[in-house]
C-alpha atoms as a PDB file:
ATOM      1  CA  UNK A   1      75.979  24.058 -13.799  1.00  0.00           C
ATOM      2  CA  UNK A   2      75.765  20.281 -13.533  1.00  0.00           C
ATOM      3  CA  UNK A   3      76.309  20.156  -9.773  1.00  0.00           C
ATOM      4  CA  UNK A   4      72.721  19.177  -8.902  1.00  0.00           C
ATOM      5  CA  UNK A   5      71.392  15.779  -9.963  1.00  0.00           C
ATOM      6  CA  UNK A   6      68.289  13.765  -9.155  1.00  0.00           C
ATOM      7  CA  UNK A   7      67.434  12.880  -6.382  1.00  0.00           C
ATOM      8  CA  UNK A   8      69.735  15.406  -4.683  1.00  0.00           C
ATOM      9  CA  UNK A   9      67.428  18.163  -5.910  1.00  0.00           C
ATOM     10  CA  UNK A  10      64.524  16.934  -3.749  1.00  0.00           C
ATOM     11  CA  UNK A  11      65.058  19.444  -0.961  1.00  0.00           C
ATOM     12  CA  UNK A  12      63.048  22.316   0.484  1.00  0.00           C
ATOM     13  CA  UNK A  13      65.829  24.723  -0.468  1.00  0.00           C
ATOM     14  CA  UNK A  14      65.634  23.660  -4.121  1.00  0.00           C
ATOM     15  CA  UNK A  15      61.837  23.956  -4.075  1.00  0.00           C
ATOM     16  CA  UNK A  16      61.988  27.431  -2.519  1.00  0.00           C
ATOM     17  CA  UNK A  17      64.553  28.459  -5.116  1.00  0.00           C
ATOM     18  CA  UNK A  18      62.175  27.332  -7.885  1.00  0.00           C
ATOM     19  CA  UNK A  19      59.313  29.319  -6.325  1.00  0.00           C
ATOM     20  CA  UNK A  20      61.390  32.496  -6.183  1.00  0.00           C
ATOM     21  CA  UNK A  21      62.925  32.221  -9.646  1.00  0.00           C
ATOM     22  CA  UNK A  22      60.844  34.069 -12.291  1.00  0.00           C
ATOM     23  CA  UNK A  23      60.043  30.979 -14.352  1.00  0.00           C
ATOM     24  CA  UNK A  24      57.297  28.351 -14.557  1.00  0.00           C
ATOM     25  CA  UNK A  25      59.467  25.602 -16.049  1.00  0.00           C
ATOM     26  CA  UNK A  26      61.390  23.602 -13.461  1.00  0.00           C
ATOM     27  CA  UNK A  27      65.039  22.775 -14.083  1.00  0.00           C
ATOM     28  CA  UNK A  28      67.607  21.130 -11.833  1.00  0.00           C
ATOM     29  CA  UNK A  29      69.736  24.254 -12.155  1.00  0.00           C
ATOM     30  CA  UNK A  30      69.344  27.664 -13.747  1.00  0.00           C
ATOM     31  CA  UNK A  31      72.026  29.943 -15.204  1.00  0.00           C
ATOM     32  CA  UNK A  32      73.053  32.533 -12.608  1.00  0.00           C
ATOM     33  CA  UNK A  33      74.724  35.911 -12.624  1.00  0.00           C
ATOM     34  CA  UNK A  34      77.887  36.445 -10.602  1.00  0.00           C
ATOM     35  CA  UNK A  35      76.316  38.807  -8.040  1.00  0.00           C
ATOM     36  CA  UNK A  36      73.206  40.805  -7.189  1.00  0.00           C
ATOM     37  CA  UNK A  37      73.090  44.250  -8.770  1.00  0.00           C
ATOM     38  CA  UNK A  38      71.646  46.149  -5.811  1.00  0.00           C
ATOM     39  CA  UNK A  39      71.292  49.408  -7.739  1.00  0.00           C
ATOM     40  CA  UNK A  40      69.169  47.696 -10.393  1.00  0.00           C
ATOM     41  CA  UNK A  41      67.134  45.911  -7.708  1.00  0.00           C
ATOM     42  CA  UNK A  42      66.333  49.116  -5.813  1.00  0.00           C
ATOM     43  CA  UNK A  43      65.458  50.938  -9.036  1.00  0.00           C
ATOM     44  CA  UNK A  44      63.009  48.184 -10.022  1.00  0.00           C
ATOM     45  CA  UNK A  45      61.335  48.292  -6.595  1.00  0.00           C
ATOM     46  CA  UNK A  46      60.973  52.082  -6.781  1.00  0.00           C
ATOM     47  CA  UNK A  47      59.668  51.862 -10.360  1.00  0.00           C
ATOM     48  CA  UNK A  48      57.095  49.268  -9.261  1.00  0.00           C
ATOM     49  CA  UNK A  49      55.590  51.612  -6.682  1.00  0.00           C
ATOM     50  CA  UNK A  50      55.740  54.489  -9.162  1.00  0.00           C
ATOM     51  CA  UNK A  51      53.724  52.488 -11.703  1.00  0.00           C
ATOM     52  CA  UNK A  52      51.242  51.428  -9.016  1.00  0.00           C
ATOM     53  CA  UNK A  53      50.723  55.123  -8.212  1.00  0.00           C
ATOM     54  CA  UNK A  54      50.050  55.853 -11.899  1.00  0.00           C
ATOM     55  CA  UNK A  55      47.653  52.893 -12.062  1.00  0.00           C
ATOM     56  CA  UNK A  56      45.760  54.220  -9.041  1.00  0.00           C
ATOM     57  CA  UNK A  57      45.454  57.708 -10.548  1.00  0.00           C
ATOM     58  CA  UNK A  58      44.343  56.329 -13.921  1.00  0.00           C
ATOM     59  CA  UNK A  59      41.723  54.077 -12.333  1.00  0.00           C
ATOM     60  CA  UNK A  60      40.295  56.670  -9.951  1.00  0.00           C
ATOM     61  CA  UNK A  61      40.279  59.587 -12.398  1.00  0.00           C
ATOM     62  CA  UNK A  62      39.515  58.034 -15.779  1.00  0.00           C
ATOM     63  CA  UNK A  63      38.034  54.542 -15.337  1.00  0.00           C
ATOM     64  CA  UNK A  64      35.912  54.298 -12.186  1.00  0.00           C
ATOM     65  CA  UNK A  65      33.864  57.490 -12.817  1.00  0.00           C
ATOM     66  CA  UNK A  66      32.931  56.271 -16.305  1.00  0.00           C
ATOM     67  CA  UNK A  67      31.971  52.801 -15.061  1.00  0.00           C
ATOM     68  CA  UNK A  68      29.954  54.165 -12.121  1.00  0.00           C
ATOM     69  CA  UNK A  69      28.067  56.587 -14.369  1.00  0.00           C
ATOM     70  CA  UNK A  70      27.424  53.889 -16.993  1.00  0.00           C
ATOM     71  CA  UNK A  71      26.212  51.441 -14.340  1.00  0.00           C
ATOM     72  CA  UNK A  72      23.810  54.053 -12.937  1.00  0.00           C
ATOM     73  CA  UNK A  73      22.422  54.869 -16.384  1.00  0.00           C
ATOM     74  CA  UNK A  74      22.023  51.190 -17.302  1.00  0.00           C
ATOM     75  CA  UNK A  75      20.166  50.548 -14.034  1.00  0.00           C
ATOM     76  CA  UNK A  76      17.837  53.444 -14.881  1.00  0.00           C
ATOM     77  CA  UNK A  77      17.185  51.981 -18.338  1.00  0.00           C
ATOM     78  CA  UNK A  78      16.366  48.588 -16.825  1.00  0.00           C
ATOM     79  CA  UNK A  79      14.102  50.161 -14.200  1.00  0.00           C
ATOM     80  CA  UNK A  80      12.094  52.036 -16.830  1.00  0.00           C
ATOM     81  CA  UNK A  81      12.055  49.094 -19.258  1.00  0.00           C
ATOM     82  CA  UNK A  82      14.014  51.084 -21.809  1.00  0.00           C
ATOM     83  CA  UNK A  83      14.822  49.789 -25.267  1.00  0.00           C
ATOM     84  CA  UNK A  84      17.887  47.587 -25.883  1.00  0.00           C
ATOM     85  CA  UNK A  85      19.204  50.195 -28.324  1.00  0.00           C
ATOM     86  CA  UNK A  86      19.387  52.739 -25.496  1.00  0.00           C
ATOM     87  CA  UNK A  87      21.434  50.337 -23.375  1.00  0.00           C
ATOM     88  CA  UNK A  88      23.708  49.597 -26.328  1.00  0.00           C
ATOM     89  CA  UNK A  89      24.291  53.322 -26.876  1.00  0.00           C
ATOM     90  CA  UNK A  90      25.271  53.766 -23.219  1.00  0.00           C
ATOM     91  CA  UNK A  91      27.606  50.787 -23.453  1.00  0.00           C
ATOM     92  CA  UNK A  92      29.170  52.065 -26.699  1.00  0.00           C
ATOM     93  CA  UNK A  93      29.686  55.535 -25.219  1.00  0.00           C
ATOM     94  CA  UNK A  94      31.317  54.083 -22.110  1.00  0.00           C
ATOM     95  CA  UNK A  95      33.632  51.891 -24.185  1.00  0.00           C
ATOM     96  CA  UNK A  96      34.712  54.911 -26.244  1.00  0.00           C
ATOM     97  CA  UNK A  97      35.618  56.821 -23.065  1.00  0.00           C
ATOM     98  CA  UNK A  98      37.583  53.849 -21.738  1.00  0.00           C
ATOM     99  CA  UNK A  99      39.650  53.052 -24.844  1.00  0.00           C
ATOM    100  CA  UNK A 100      42.866  54.777 -23.862  1.00  0.00           C
ATOM    101  CA  UNK A 101      42.583  54.513 -20.041  1.00  0.00           C
ATOM    102  CA  UNK A 102      42.323  50.716 -20.296  1.00  0.00           C
ATOM    103  CA  UNK A 103      45.133  50.596 -22.861  1.00  0.00           C
ATOM    104  CA  UNK A 104      47.330  52.674 -20.545  1.00  0.00           C
ATOM    105  CA  UNK A 105      46.380  50.395 -17.644  1.00  0.00           C
ATOM    106  CA  UNK A 106      47.363  47.317 -19.646  1.00  0.00           C
ATOM    107  CA  UNK A 107      50.733  48.818 -20.566  1.00  0.00           C
ATOM    108  CA  UNK A 108      51.447  49.827 -16.962  1.00  0.00           C
ATOM    109  CA  UNK A 109      50.456  46.394 -15.621  1.00  0.00           C
ATOM    110  CA  UNK A 110      52.629  44.744 -18.259  1.00  0.00           C
ATOM    111  CA  UNK A 111      55.542  46.995 -17.307  1.00  0.00           C
ATOM    112  CA  UNK A 112      55.124  46.287 -13.588  1.00  0.00           C
ATOM    113  CA  UNK A 113      54.918  42.506 -13.964  1.00  0.00           C
ATOM    114  CA  UNK A 114      57.331  41.677 -16.763  1.00  0.00           C
ATOM    115  CA  UNK A 115      59.935  44.405 -16.397  1.00  0.00           C
ATOM    116  CA  UNK A 116      60.012  45.317 -12.716  1.00  0.00           C
ATOM    117  CA  UNK A 117      58.556  42.495 -10.579  1.00  0.00           C
ATOM    118  CA  UNK A 118      60.037  39.601 -12.556  1.00  0.00           C
ATOM    119  CA  UNK A 119      63.222  41.602 -13.005  1.00  0.00           C
ATOM    120  CA  UNK A 120      63.449  42.189  -9.251  1.00  0.00           C
ATOM    121  CA  UNK A 121      63.005  38.484  -8.472  1.00  0.00           C
ATOM    122  CA  UNK A 122      65.575  37.649 -11.149  1.00  0.00           C
ATOM    123  CA  UNK A 123      67.994  40.078  -9.525  1.00  0.00           C
ATOM    124  CA  UNK A 124      67.385  38.721  -6.020  1.00  0.00           C
ATOM    125  CA  UNK A 125      67.889  35.108  -7.100  1.00  0.00           C
ATOM    126  CA  UNK A 126      70.668  35.985  -9.598  1.00  0.00           C
ATOM    127  CA  UNK A 127      68.510  34.352 -12.289  1.00  0.00           C
ATOM    128  CA  UNK A 128      70.401  35.006 -15.521  1.00  0.00           C
ATOM    129  CA  UNK A 129      67.648  34.428 -18.106  1.00  0.00           C
ATOM    130  CA  UNK A 130      65.888  37.812 -18.262  1.00  0.00           C
ATOM    131  CA  UNK A 131      63.954  37.046 -21.464  1.00  0.00           C
ATOM    132  CA  UNK A 132      60.464  37.623 -20.030  1.00  0.00           C
ATOM    133  CA  UNK A 133      59.014  39.199 -23.183  1.00  0.00           C
ATOM    134  CA  UNK A 134      59.934  40.058 -26.751  1.00  0.00           C
ATOM    135  CA  UNK A 135      58.858  42.919 -29.034  1.00  0.00           C
ATOM    136  CA  UNK A 136      55.168  41.975 -29.002  1.00  0.00           C
ATOM    137  CA  UNK A 137      54.254  45.557 -29.993  1.00  0.00           C
ATOM    138  CA  UNK A 138      55.530  44.724 -33.490  1.00  0.00           C
ATOM    139  CA  UNK A 139      53.257  41.674 -33.781  1.00  0.00           C
ATOM    140  CA  UNK A 140      51.575  41.091 -37.114  1.00  0.00           C
ATOM    141  CA  UNK A 141      49.278  38.280 -35.950  1.00  0.00           C
ATOM    142  CA  UNK A 142      47.846  36.971 -32.683  1.00  0.00           C
ATOM    143  CA  UNK A 143      49.980  33.840 -32.671  1.00  0.00           C
ATOM    144  CA  UNK A 144      53.092  36.006 -32.667  1.00  0.00           C
ATOM    145  CA  UNK A 145      51.639  38.114 -29.845  1.00  0.00           C
ATOM    146  CA  UNK A 146      50.855  35.027 -27.751  1.00  0.00           C
ATOM    147  CA  UNK A 147      54.470  33.873 -28.128  1.00  0.00           C
ATOM    148  CA  UNK A 148      56.107  37.170 -27.270  1.00  0.00           C
ATOM    149  CA  UNK A 149      54.121  39.104 -24.681  1.00  0.00           C
ATOM    150  CA  UNK A 150      54.360  36.505 -21.879  1.00  0.00           C
ATOM    151  CA  UNK A 151      57.397  34.299 -22.435  1.00  0.00           C
ATOM    152  CA  UNK A 152      57.282  32.431 -19.052  1.00  0.00           C
ATOM    153  CA  UNK A 153      53.690  31.259 -19.604  1.00  0.00           C
ATOM    154  CA  UNK A 154      54.312  30.576 -23.302  1.00  0.00           C
ATOM    155  CA  UNK A 155      57.355  28.433 -22.444  1.00  0.00           C
ATOM    156  CA  UNK A 156      55.329  26.499 -19.862  1.00  0.00           C
ATOM    157  CA  UNK A 157      52.421  25.860 -22.240  1.00  0.00           C
ATOM    158  CA  UNK A 158      54.729  24.895 -25.097  1.00  0.00           C
ATOM    159  CA  UNK A 159      56.676  22.464 -22.924  1.00  0.00           C
ATOM    160  CA  UNK A 160      53.967  20.914 -20.749  1.00  0.00           C
ATOM    161  CA  UNK A 161      50.806  21.245 -22.870  1.00  0.00           C
ATOM    162  CA  UNK A 162      51.663  21.580 -26.562  1.00  0.00           C
ATOM    163  CA  UNK A 163      54.830  19.469 -26.397  1.00  0.00           C
ATOM    164  CA  UNK A 164      53.166  16.767 -24.296  1.00  0.00           C
ATOM    165  CA  UNK A 165      50.001  16.516 -26.412  1.00  0.00           C
ATOM    166  CA  UNK A 166      51.399  16.886 -29.942  1.00  0.00           C
ATOM    167  CA  UNK A 167      52.844  13.316 -30.215  1.00  0.00           C
ATOM    168  CA  UNK A 168      49.405  11.916 -29.326  1.00  0.00           C
ATOM    169  CA  UNK A 169      47.031  14.357 -31.045  1.00  0.00           C
ATOM    170  CA  UNK A 170      48.949  16.074 -33.853  1.00  0.00           C
ATOM    171  CA  UNK A 171      49.945  19.694 -34.362  1.00  0.00           C
ATOM    172  CA  UNK A 172      46.498  21.199 -34.980  1.00  0.00           C
ATOM    173  CA  UNK A 173      44.786  19.475 -32.053  1.00  0.00           C
ATOM    174  CA  UNK A 174      47.709  20.299 -29.753  1.00  0.00           C
ATOM    175  CA  UNK A 175      47.417  23.971 -30.724  1.00  0.00           C
ATOM    176  CA  UNK A 176      43.674  23.956 -29.994  1.00  0.00           C
ATOM    177  CA  UNK A 177      44.229  22.261 -26.618  1.00  0.00           C
ATOM    178  CA  UNK A 178      46.901  24.812 -25.709  1.00  0.00           C
ATOM    179  CA  UNK A 179      44.656  27.743 -26.619  1.00  0.00           C
ATOM    180  CA  UNK A 180      41.756  26.116 -24.751  1.00  0.00           C
ATOM    181  CA  UNK A 181      43.721  25.763 -21.514  1.00  0.00           C
ATOM    182  CA  UNK A 182      45.105  29.283 -21.866  1.00  0.00           C
ATOM    183  CA  UNK A 183      41.607  30.668 -22.489  1.00  0.00           C
ATOM    184  CA  UNK A 184      40.239  28.900 -19.407  1.00  0.00           C
ATOM    185  CA  UNK A 185      43.098  30.333 -17.348  1.00  0.00           C
ATOM    186  CA  UNK A 186      42.409  33.873 -18.569  1.00  0.00           C
ATOM    187  CA  UNK A 187      38.690  33.431 -17.871  1.00  0.00           C
ATOM    188  CA  UNK A 188      39.442  32.307 -14.307  1.00  0.00           C
ATOM    189  CA  UNK A 189      41.593  35.421 -13.792  1.00  0.00           C
ATOM    190  CA  UNK A 190      38.808  37.696 -15.084  1.00  0.00           C
ATOM    191  CA  UNK A 191      36.256  35.866 -12.938  1.00  0.00           C
ATOM    192  CA  UNK A 192      38.396  36.462  -9.845  1.00  0.00           C
ATOM    193  CA  UNK A 193      38.789  40.165 -10.701  1.00  0.00           C
ATOM    194  CA  UNK A 194      35.172  40.890 -11.661  1.00  0.00           C
ATOM    195  CA  UNK A 195      33.525  38.205  -9.464  1.00  0.00           C
ATOM    196  CA  UNK A 196      31.512  37.208 -12.542  1.00  0.00           C
ATOM    197  CA  UNK A 197      31.695  34.250 -14.900  1.00  0.00           C
ATOM    198  CA  UNK A 198      30.693  35.555 -18.304  1.00  0.00           C
ATOM    199  CA  UNK A 199      33.003  33.855 -20.789  1.00  0.00           C
ATOM    200  CA  UNK A 200      33.835  36.992 -22.782  1.00  0.00           C
ATOM    201  CA  UNK A 201      37.589  36.519 -22.397  1.00  0.00           C
ATOM    202  CA  UNK A 202      37.334  32.811 -23.184  1.00  0.00           C
ATOM    203  CA  UNK A 203      35.377  33.433 -26.385  1.00  0.00           C
ATOM    204  CA  UNK A 204      37.674  36.249 -27.529  1.00  0.00           C
ATOM    205  CA  UNK A 205      40.785  34.160 -27.020  1.00  0.00           C
ATOM    206  CA  UNK A 206      39.369  31.144 -28.848  1.00  0.00           C
ATOM    207  CA  UNK A 207      38.348  33.439 -31.719  1.00  0.00           C
ATOM    208  CA  UNK A 208      42.043  34.157 -32.194  1.00  0.00           C
ATOM    209  CA  UNK A 209      42.449  30.736 -33.842  1.00  0.00           C
ATOM    210  CA  UNK A 210      40.327  31.442 -36.961  1.00  0.00           C
ATOM    211  CA  UNK A 211      41.747  34.986 -37.058  1.00  0.00           C
ATOM    212  CA  UNK A 212      45.286  33.556 -37.067  1.00  0.00           C
ATOM    213  CA  UNK A 213      44.334  31.227 -39.928  1.00  0.00           C
ATOM    214  CA  UNK A 214      43.189  34.270 -41.904  1.00  0.00           C
ATOM    215  CA  UNK A 215      46.331  36.212 -40.975  1.00  0.00           C
ATOM    216  CA  UNK A 216      48.536  33.359 -42.171  1.00  0.00           C
ATOM    217  CA  UNK A 217      47.139  33.509 -45.713  1.00  0.00           C
ATOM    218  CA  UNK A 218      49.608  34.838 -48.259  1.00  0.00           C
ATOM    219  CA  UNK A 219      47.698  38.013 -49.173  1.00  0.00           C
ATOM    220  CA  UNK A 220      47.342  39.097 -45.547  1.00  0.00           C
ATOM    221  CA  UNK A 221      50.785  37.930 -44.399  1.00  0.00           C
ATOM    222  CA  UNK A 222      52.582  40.078 -46.971  1.00  0.00           C
ATOM    223  CA  UNK A 223      51.037  43.296 -45.573  1.00  0.00           C
ATOM    224  CA  UNK A 224      52.908  43.452 -42.280  1.00  0.00           C
ATOM    225  CA  UNK A 225      52.373  47.161 -41.592  1.00  0.00           C
ATOM    226  CA  UNK A 226      48.627  46.821 -42.103  1.00  0.00           C
ATOM    227  CA  UNK A 227      48.587  43.741 -39.862  1.00  0.00           C
ATOM    228  CA  UNK A 228      50.394  45.613 -37.095  1.00  0.00           C
ATOM    229  CA  UNK A 229      47.936  48.516 -37.365  1.00  0.00           C
ATOM    230  CA  UNK A 230      45.021  46.061 -37.181  1.00  0.00           C
ATOM    231  CA  UNK A 231      46.669  44.370 -34.191  1.00  0.00           C
ATOM    232  CA  UNK A 232      46.893  47.649 -32.267  1.00  0.00           C
ATOM    233  CA  UNK A 233      43.341  48.662 -33.188  1.00  0.00           C
ATOM    234  CA  UNK A 234      42.032  45.317 -31.945  1.00  0.00           C
ATOM    235  CA  UNK A 235      44.102  45.630 -28.758  1.00  0.00           C
ATOM    236  CA  UNK A 236      42.776  49.107 -27.967  1.00  0.00           C
ATOM    237  CA  UNK A 237      39.172  48.220 -28.815  1.00  0.00           C
ATOM    238  CA  UNK A 238      39.255  44.734 -27.318  1.00  0.00           C
ATOM    239  CA  UNK A 239      40.611  45.674 -23.899  1.00  0.00           C
ATOM    240  CA  UNK A 240      38.001  48.376 -23.383  1.00  0.00           C
ATOM    241  CA  UNK A 241      35.182  46.186 -24.721  1.00  0.00           C
ATOM    242  CA  UNK A 242      35.989  43.117 -22.617  1.00  0.00           C
ATOM    243  CA  UNK A 243      36.613  45.026 -19.387  1.00  0.00           C
ATOM    244  CA  UNK A 244      33.443  47.100 -19.813  1.00  0.00           C
ATOM    245  CA  UNK A 245      31.381  43.975 -20.517  1.00  0.00           C
ATOM    246  CA  UNK A 246      32.685  42.201 -17.413  1.00  0.00           C
ATOM    247  CA  UNK A 247      31.861  45.175 -15.201  1.00  0.00           C
ATOM    248  CA  UNK A 248      28.589  46.402 -16.718  1.00  0.00           C
ATOM    249  CA  UNK A 249      26.868  43.334 -18.204  1.00  0.00           C
END
């Protein structure tokens, strides 16, 4: 450490190293391990393809059939000028069937990205900081979840958005700006996946702010077990609801 200084870092090799390192925050140098652990690297690559296989099976067997059937039934309701309550019942039934498949999909995608893919790039580049996530499954409020489930993005937003805007706007406004940019980013991702711009993800993420304010009150904050149960219920319900809305509505 300390061997690279500006402007000696302005090289293609340094830029390529930054692109390959599993981080969004640029530094002149990163802490490195002594050598590549090839056994760990191979195991992460194999695990990645194993999880992709499970994702494919889950999607083809438990998600796509439900969505195709729901889409067909909703089209029939629209064609016959059916009542809105009938469409809502179809949507509610579809969401109930998709609760656990979408939750399993989220967990597998999380595992692939944050444990195996980022871990593999960290191993290849000998990147020593492997803190890509914390124990977000124990979260008792959404602010804690946003800090712990995606540490690389959280570190980037805290450093380049929240940290840069707080001296000029104050803590509350900086928090709102950070959530706003994050919500726009998530909406862009969902728009690319579903090829629709609906705003469901944007609205749900911005609604986390008043929910966090409620969760930070003393009466709610003291009931950590209840908060964690509510967190998991909202995760299971929310993932199925948002994904179904993007596909079907």
